[in-house]
Protein backbone atom coordinates (compact mmCIF):
# COMPACT_ATOMS: atom_id res chain seq x y z
CA UNK A 1 54.89 232.86 65.16
CA UNK A 2 51.16 232.43 65.49
CA UNK A 3 48.80 232.88 62.55
CA UNK A 4 45.24 233.43 63.66
CA UNK A 5 44.31 235.36 60.54
CA UNK A 6 41.60 232.83 59.65
CA UNK A 7 39.59 234.08 62.66
CA UNK A 8 37.75 237.37 62.92
CA UNK A 9 39.70 240.10 64.71
CA UNK A 10 38.13 239.58 68.15
CA UNK A 11 38.65 235.80 68.15
CA UNK A 12 42.19 236.25 66.86
CA UNK A 13 42.92 238.71 69.67
CA UNK A 14 41.66 236.26 72.31
CA UNK A 15 43.67 233.33 70.94
CA UNK A 16 46.82 235.37 70.36
CA UNK A 17 46.64 236.93 73.84
CA UNK A 18 46.66 233.45 75.41
CA UNK A 19 49.79 232.51 73.48
CA UNK A 20 51.50 235.83 74.20
CA UNK A 21 50.83 235.55 77.94
CA UNK A 22 52.38 232.08 78.08
CA UNK A 23 55.32 233.02 75.88
CA UNK A 24 56.13 236.19 77.81
CA UNK A 25 56.25 234.19 81.06
CA UNK A 26 59.12 232.28 79.47
CA UNK A 27 60.77 235.43 78.13
CA UNK A 28 59.83 234.67 74.54
CA UNK A 29 58.45 237.23 72.10
CA UNK A 30 55.62 236.40 69.72
CA UNK A 31 55.05 237.36 66.12
CA UNK A 32 51.42 237.09 65.05
CA UNK A 33 49.38 237.65 61.94
CA UNK A 34 46.01 239.34 61.66
CA UNK A 35 45.41 239.55 57.94
CA UNK A 36 46.78 238.92 54.53
CA UNK A 37 49.65 240.40 52.65
CA UNK A 38 49.51 241.12 48.97
CA UNK A 39 49.61 237.94 46.93
CA UNK A 40 51.82 237.64 43.92
CA UNK A 41 55.33 236.93 42.80
CA UNK A 42 56.93 238.34 45.98
CA UNK A 43 54.50 236.67 48.41
CA UNK A 44 54.80 233.23 49.94
CA UNK A 45 51.19 233.32 51.12
CA UNK A 46 49.16 230.38 49.88
CA UNK A 47 45.92 231.10 51.73
CA UNK A 48 43.92 234.20 52.44
CA UNK A 49 41.95 236.45 50.20
CA UNK A 50 44.76 238.90 49.52
CA UNK A 51 43.04 241.68 51.46
CA UNK A 52 45.60 243.92 53.07
CA UNK A 53 45.47 244.49 56.83
CA UNK A 54 44.26 247.96 57.74
CA UNK A 55 46.41 250.02 60.10
CA UNK A 56 43.67 250.64 62.69
CA UNK A 57 43.07 246.89 63.14
CA UNK A 58 46.81 246.32 63.46
CA UNK A 59 47.08 249.02 66.13
CA UNK A 60 44.16 247.52 68.07
CA UNK A 61 45.62 244.03 67.74
CA UNK A 62 49.06 245.01 69.10
CA UNK A 63 47.58 246.97 72.00
CA UNK A 64 45.20 244.15 72.98
CA UNK A 65 47.61 241.23 72.65
CA UNK A 66 51.03 242.55 73.63
CA UNK A 67 52.79 241.05 70.62
CA UNK A 68 56.24 242.47 70.13
């Protein structure tokens, strides 16, 4: 699990891609985060502004990084 959500989308993609490339060489999948989830009683998120990730950014992120 890599959480680069504190970076803007482009920087997060670059950093996550590096981790994914290394992990995939070892046969390991990577879970990564690009934004926030809703905060509240059912959330364990302590940081972030509570803004939900938009689907287009998520699609771009997965295509660019290769996260599984």
